[in-house]
Protein backbone atom coordinates (compact mmCIF):
# COMPACT_ATOMS: atom_id res chain seq x y z
CA MET A 1 41.44 9.48 -105.66
CA LYS A 2 41.99 11.38 -109.05
CA TYR A 3 45.24 12.44 -110.02
CA ASP A 4 46.44 15.12 -112.59
CA CYS A 5 50.12 13.74 -112.86
CA GLU A 6 51.28 9.82 -113.08
CA LEU A 7 54.71 10.60 -111.55
CA VAL A 8 57.03 13.52 -110.65
CA GLY A 9 60.43 12.10 -110.37
CA LYS A 10 64.06 13.65 -108.92
CA ILE A 11 67.47 12.58 -109.45
CA GLY A 12 70.42 14.02 -108.28
CA SER A 13 73.83 15.57 -109.84
CA MET A 14 75.74 13.43 -108.15
CA ALA A 15 74.17 10.31 -109.30
CA LEU A 16 74.74 11.44 -113.19
CA ILE A 17 77.97 11.82 -112.98
CA ASN A 18 80.97 8.89 -112.91
CA ARG A 19 83.32 10.56 -109.92
CA GLU A 20 85.96 7.86 -110.44
CA LEU A 21 86.26 8.74 -114.62
CA ASN A 22 85.27 12.48 -113.86
CA GLU A 23 82.65 12.23 -116.68
CA LEU A 24 78.97 11.29 -117.48
CA ASP A 25 77.35 8.18 -116.16
CA TYR A 26 75.60 7.21 -119.45
CA ASN A 27 74.32 4.35 -118.03
CA ALA A 28 71.97 6.75 -115.28
CA PHE A 29 70.82 8.44 -117.97
CA SER A 30 69.81 5.28 -119.99
CA ARG A 31 68.31 3.64 -117.38
CA ILE A 32 66.10 6.83 -116.56
CA GLY A 33 65.56 7.95 -120.20
CA LYS A 34 63.74 4.69 -121.48
CA TYR A 35 61.20 4.57 -118.86
CA LEU A 36 60.04 8.19 -118.89
CA ARG A 37 57.01 8.09 -120.85
CA PRO A 38 53.70 10.87 -121.16
CA GLY A 39 52.44 11.62 -117.42
CA TYR A 40 55.75 11.85 -116.15
CA VAL A 41 57.42 14.68 -115.25
CA TRP A 42 61.35 14.60 -114.29
CA VAL A 43 62.98 16.91 -112.13
CA SER A 44 66.92 16.57 -112.76
CA SER A 45 69.93 18.43 -111.17
CA GLY A 46 73.72 17.91 -112.95
CA ALA A 47 73.78 21.75 -115.07
CA VAL A 48 76.03 22.96 -113.00
CA GLU A 49 78.20 20.15 -111.90
CA ILE A 50 78.13 18.71 -115.65
CA GLY A 51 79.27 22.01 -117.04
CA LYS A 52 82.22 22.07 -114.95
CA ILE A 53 83.46 19.16 -116.12
CA ASP A 54 82.52 19.96 -119.95
CA TYR A 55 84.40 22.99 -119.12
CA PHE A 56 87.43 21.33 -118.18
CA ASN A 57 87.83 18.70 -120.74
CA ARG A 58 88.13 21.55 -123.10
CA GLN A 59 89.96 24.10 -121.28
CA ASN A 60 92.22 21.73 -119.73
CA THR A 61 91.64 24.43 -116.68
CA TYR A 62 88.64 25.58 -114.52
CA LEU A 63 87.28 28.98 -113.85
CA SER A 64 89.55 31.06 -111.64
CA HIS A 65 86.43 32.11 -109.15
CA GLU A 66 83.65 30.26 -107.54
CA ASN A 67 81.17 32.77 -107.49
CA ASP A 68 77.78 33.14 -108.95
CA ILE A 69 79.08 33.97 -112.18
CA ALA A 70 81.26 30.77 -112.21
CA LYS A 71 78.23 28.65 -111.06
CA SER A 72 75.95 30.71 -113.82
CA LEU A 73 78.28 30.00 -117.04
CA TYR A 74 79.15 26.38 -115.65
CA ALA A 75 74.98 25.93 -115.51
CA SER A 76 74.41 27.12 -118.99
CA GLN A 77 77.50 25.01 -120.28
CA GLY A 78 75.89 22.12 -118.46
CA GLN A 79 72.10 22.25 -119.45
CA CYS A 80 72.84 21.79 -123.28
CA ILE A 81 74.31 18.52 -122.33
CA LEU A 82 71.91 17.40 -120.04
CA MET A 83 68.81 17.68 -122.55
CA GLU A 84 71.37 16.66 -125.25
CA ASN A 85 71.53 13.24 -123.22
CA TYR A 86 68.03 12.80 -122.05
CA ARG A 87 66.82 13.38 -125.86
CA ARG A 88 69.58 10.71 -126.66
CA PHE A 89 67.49 8.16 -124.42
CA ILE A 90 64.15 9.08 -124.07
CA ASN A 91 61.58 7.23 -126.54
CA PRO A 92 61.98 9.17 -129.97
CA ASP A 93 58.25 8.90 -130.51
CA TYR A 94 58.07 11.17 -127.40
CA SER A 95 58.76 15.07 -127.64
CA MET A 96 60.70 16.11 -124.77
CA ARG A 97 60.81 20.05 -123.36
CA GLN A 98 63.00 21.91 -121.07
CA ILE A 99 61.71 23.80 -118.39
CA LEU A 100 63.61 26.10 -115.93
CA LEU A 101 61.93 27.24 -112.91
CA GLU A 102 62.67 29.76 -109.91
CA HIS A 103 61.28 30.36 -106.60
CA SER A 104 58.72 33.06 -107.74
CA HIS A 105 57.03 29.88 -110.26
CA PHE A 106 55.76 28.04 -106.91
CA ASN A 107 55.23 31.99 -104.68
CA ASP A 108 53.33 33.44 -107.09
CA LYS A 109 49.38 32.47 -107.65
CA GLU A 110 49.45 33.62 -111.28
CA LYS A 111 52.65 32.29 -112.14
CA SER A 112 51.69 28.38 -110.18
CA THR A 113 49.05 28.26 -112.40
CA TYR A 114 50.68 28.99 -115.71
CA ILE A 115 53.12 26.43 -115.13
CA LYS A 116 50.70 24.27 -113.71
CA THR A 117 48.88 24.36 -117.57
CA LEU A 118 52.09 24.32 -119.40
CA LEU A 119 52.89 21.03 -117.79
CA LEU A 120 49.45 19.53 -118.34
CA GLU A 121 49.04 20.80 -121.67
CA SER A 122 52.78 19.07 -122.48
CA MET A 123 51.32 15.71 -121.01
CA LYS A 124 48.70 15.82 -123.09
CA GLN A 125 50.85 16.58 -126.29
CA LYS A 126 52.89 12.98 -125.24
CA ALA A 127 55.81 15.56 -124.07
CA ILE A 128 58.22 14.87 -121.32
CA PRO A 129 59.19 18.04 -119.54
CA ILE A 130 62.86 18.04 -117.96
CA ILE A 131 62.67 20.45 -114.72
CA ASN A 132 65.61 22.22 -113.47
CA TYR A 133 66.12 25.00 -111.06
CA ASN A 134 67.09 28.19 -113.42
CA ASP A 135 70.75 28.34 -111.77
CA SER A 136 72.30 29.94 -115.42
CA VAL A 137 70.53 32.97 -114.16
CA SER A 138 70.73 32.52 -110.53
CA ASN A 139 72.27 34.99 -108.06
CA ASP A 140 72.40 34.22 -103.59
CA GLU A 141 72.38 37.50 -102.94
CA ILE A 142 69.56 38.33 -104.86
CA LEU A 143 67.59 35.19 -103.76
CA LYS A 144 67.90 36.07 -100.42
CA VAL A 145 66.67 39.43 -100.48
CA GLU A 146 64.22 38.56 -102.44
CA LEU A 147 63.04 35.93 -100.18
CA LEU A 148 63.40 38.24 -97.15
CA GLU A 149 60.96 40.53 -98.95
CA MET A 150 58.43 37.91 -100.05
CA ARG A 151 58.38 36.78 -95.96
CA LYS A 152 57.59 39.78 -95.06
CA LYS A 153 54.10 39.37 -97.12
CA GLN A 154 53.50 35.81 -97.05
CA GLU A 155 53.64 33.02 -94.13
CA THR A 156 54.73 30.35 -96.34
CA VAL A 157 57.68 30.93 -98.79
CA ALA A 158 59.41 28.28 -101.47
CA GLU A 159 63.18 28.52 -101.82
CA CYS A 160 63.24 25.86 -104.35
CA ILE A 161 67.45 25.75 -103.55
CA ASP A 162 67.55 22.51 -103.77
CA ASN A 163 65.50 20.13 -106.36
CA ASP A 164 64.07 18.20 -103.93
CA GLU A 165 61.81 20.80 -102.54
CA THR A 166 61.23 21.64 -106.16
CA ALA A 167 60.04 18.28 -107.09
CA SER A 168 57.98 17.99 -103.61
CA ARG A 169 56.53 21.53 -105.02
CA LEU A 170 55.66 20.00 -108.40
CA SER A 171 54.24 17.00 -106.86
CA VAL A 172 51.61 18.77 -105.09
CA LEU A 173 50.92 21.73 -108.20
CA LEU A 174 49.84 18.55 -110.66
CA LYS A 175 48.43 16.28 -107.79
CA SER A 176 50.83 13.62 -109.19
CA LYS A 177 50.19 9.72 -107.79
CA TYR A 178 54.05 8.89 -106.92
CA LEU A 179 56.77 11.36 -105.93
CA LEU A 180 59.86 9.44 -106.68
CA ILE A 181 62.82 10.76 -105.23
CA LEU A 182 66.53 9.09 -106.30
CA THR A 183 69.11 9.17 -104.09
CA SER A 184 72.56 7.04 -103.03
CA SER A 185 71.28 4.99 -100.79
CA GLU A 186 68.54 2.65 -101.27
CA GLY A 187 65.69 4.75 -98.85
CA LEU A 188 65.23 5.96 -95.65
CA LEU A 189 67.93 4.01 -93.09
CA GLN A 190 67.35 3.89 -89.17
CA ASN A 191 70.87 3.78 -89.13
CA PRO A 192 72.58 5.77 -91.34
CA GLN A 193 75.74 4.22 -90.94
CA ASP A 194 74.28 0.75 -91.36
CA GLU A 195 72.92 0.05 -95.58
CA THR A 196 71.17 -3.03 -94.01
CA SER A 197 68.99 -0.96 -91.40
CA LEU A 198 66.56 0.14 -94.41
CA ILE A 199 63.24 0.62 -93.04
CA LYS A 200 60.69 -0.41 -95.79
CA THR A 201 57.58 0.65 -95.14
CA VAL A 202 56.17 3.65 -93.81
CA GLU A 203 52.36 3.62 -93.23
CA GLY A 204 49.56 5.37 -91.69
CA LYS A 205 45.79 4.59 -91.47
CA ASN A 206 45.14 7.82 -92.36
CA THR A 207 47.24 10.94 -93.34
CA GLU A 208 47.58 12.42 -90.24
CA GLU A 209 48.92 8.93 -88.78
CA LEU A 210 51.66 8.82 -91.79
CA LEU A 211 52.55 12.39 -90.90
CA GLU A 212 53.07 11.31 -87.28
CA HIS A 213 55.11 8.67 -88.13
CA ILE A 214 57.64 9.98 -90.51
CA ASN A 215 58.28 13.33 -87.60
CA GLU A 216 59.00 10.22 -85.10
CA LEU A 217 61.78 9.24 -88.33
CA MET A 218 63.40 12.51 -88.52
CA GLY A 219 65.27 11.36 -85.63
CA TYR A 220 66.70 9.07 -87.33
CA CYS A 221 68.39 11.34 -89.85
CA ASP A 222 71.72 12.18 -90.36
CA GLY A 223 73.82 14.58 -92.38
CA ALA A 224 72.24 18.13 -92.69
CA SER A 225 69.86 19.75 -90.43
CA ARG A 226 68.55 22.48 -92.81
CA LYS A 227 66.49 22.58 -95.77
CA GLY A 228 68.57 22.93 -99.05
CA ALA A 229 71.46 20.68 -98.28
CA ASN A 230 70.40 17.65 -99.59
CA GLY A 231 70.14 15.83 -96.20
CA MET A 232 67.55 13.26 -95.26
CA LEU A 233 65.72 15.38 -93.55
CA ALA A 234 65.32 18.00 -95.74
CA LYS A 235 63.93 15.41 -97.98
CA LEU A 236 61.49 13.98 -94.91
CA GLN A 237 60.62 17.35 -94.99
CA TYR A 238 59.52 18.04 -97.92
CA ILE A 239 57.60 15.44 -98.71
CA ARG A 240 55.10 16.54 -95.94
CA GLY A 241 53.21 18.53 -98.33
CA PRO A 242 52.88 15.64 -101.12
CA ILE A 243 51.61 13.19 -98.38
CA GLU A 244 48.70 15.75 -97.46
CA ASN A 245 47.85 15.84 -101.03
CA GLY A 246 47.53 12.21 -101.44
CA THR A 247 50.75 11.29 -103.40
CA THR A 248 52.23 8.19 -102.43
CA VAL A 249 56.00 8.52 -101.65
CA ILE A 250 58.82 6.81 -102.81
CA ILE A 251 62.79 7.08 -102.02
CA GLY A 252 65.11 4.94 -103.58
CA SER A 253 68.74 4.36 -105.12
CA SER A 254 69.04 5.78 -108.23
CA ALA A 255 70.99 2.46 -109.33
CA TYR A 256 67.68 0.79 -109.79
CA SER A 257 64.94 1.30 -113.02
CA ILE A 258 61.81 3.40 -112.15
CA PRO A 259 59.39 0.36 -112.90
CA ASP A 260 61.16 -1.63 -110.72
CA LEU A 261 61.05 1.44 -107.59
CA LEU A 262 57.51 1.99 -108.18
CA ASN A 263 56.36 -1.83 -108.26
CA GLY A 264 58.40 -2.89 -105.00
CA THR A 265 60.72 -5.20 -106.41
CA VAL A 266 63.82 -3.57 -105.31
CA ASN A 267 64.59 -2.42 -102.06
CA ARG A 268 63.57 1.05 -100.94
CA THR A 269 61.37 3.00 -98.97
CA ILE A 270 57.46 3.95 -99.73
CA PHE A 271 55.67 5.93 -97.43
CA GLN A 272 51.67 5.51 -98.23
CA VAL A 273 48.61 5.49 -96.61
CA ARG A 274 46.98 1.69 -95.82
C-alpha cells in the first residue's frame, strides 16, 4: 500500500509539563524532538497550559477570569514557547514549520486540499510541521454556532476540540502509514484501574474485523464518554477513520521514544490488520 506520509503523531498538554515543579518537562521535548524527521507530522497540545505557567512566572498571578479571552491570551503566549522548545531539540538540518488549524480546515474540501498540499510540500522540503489547534483566536460560543450551521448542511462534521481528533483527521488526509497517539498510560487497559491489564495487540484478518474488535474494546473504556474530553473511548472513536484508510495505529506512553513505540520494543497497544 502506498502512503503519502510516514507518521502523524500527537502528544497532549500534560505530557509536556512537570506538574510537581509547575514548569515545562524539557525531557519530554528532547525525547520527541530528537526523533522527528521529514515525513513526520507532529500534533502538539500544550500552548494554553504552557502560556498559563509562563504568565504566572512573570506576573506572580493568573488572569482574573478563566474565560475564552483568558484561554486565547494564554495560548498566544504559550505558542511561542512551545515552538521554541521543539526547535531546540529537532535536528538543525531540518526546517520546522508551525501550522495552526481549526475545524473549518477539515469541513471544507478546498481548505482540506490546501492544507494537504502545504503539508506534503513541507515534507518534500525537509521541514517538520508542528500542528496545534488555533486556540489563540478560538471562541467556544462562536464555535458552537458554526458547528450547528455545518450540521444542517452535511452529515459528518469535524469538531477538532481535541487534538486526538485533529491528529486522526490529518492521518486520513495525508494517508499516513502510522498514527501514534501518546498518553499517560502504556496503551489501552482492559481494566482502567490496573496498569498490568494492558492490551498489547488488536488485530483483524481485515479492516472490518479489526473495527469489530475496536467496538468490543470500547466497553473497557473508563473516563470521558464524549468526544473531546481526552478519554480512551474518544481515542478509539477517532482512530476508526485512519484504520479504514489502511493506517496502523499505536497508542503508547509519552515516557517512551518514537522509535521504541514504532518498533514494539516497549509496551504499547497496536491496532493493525494481520
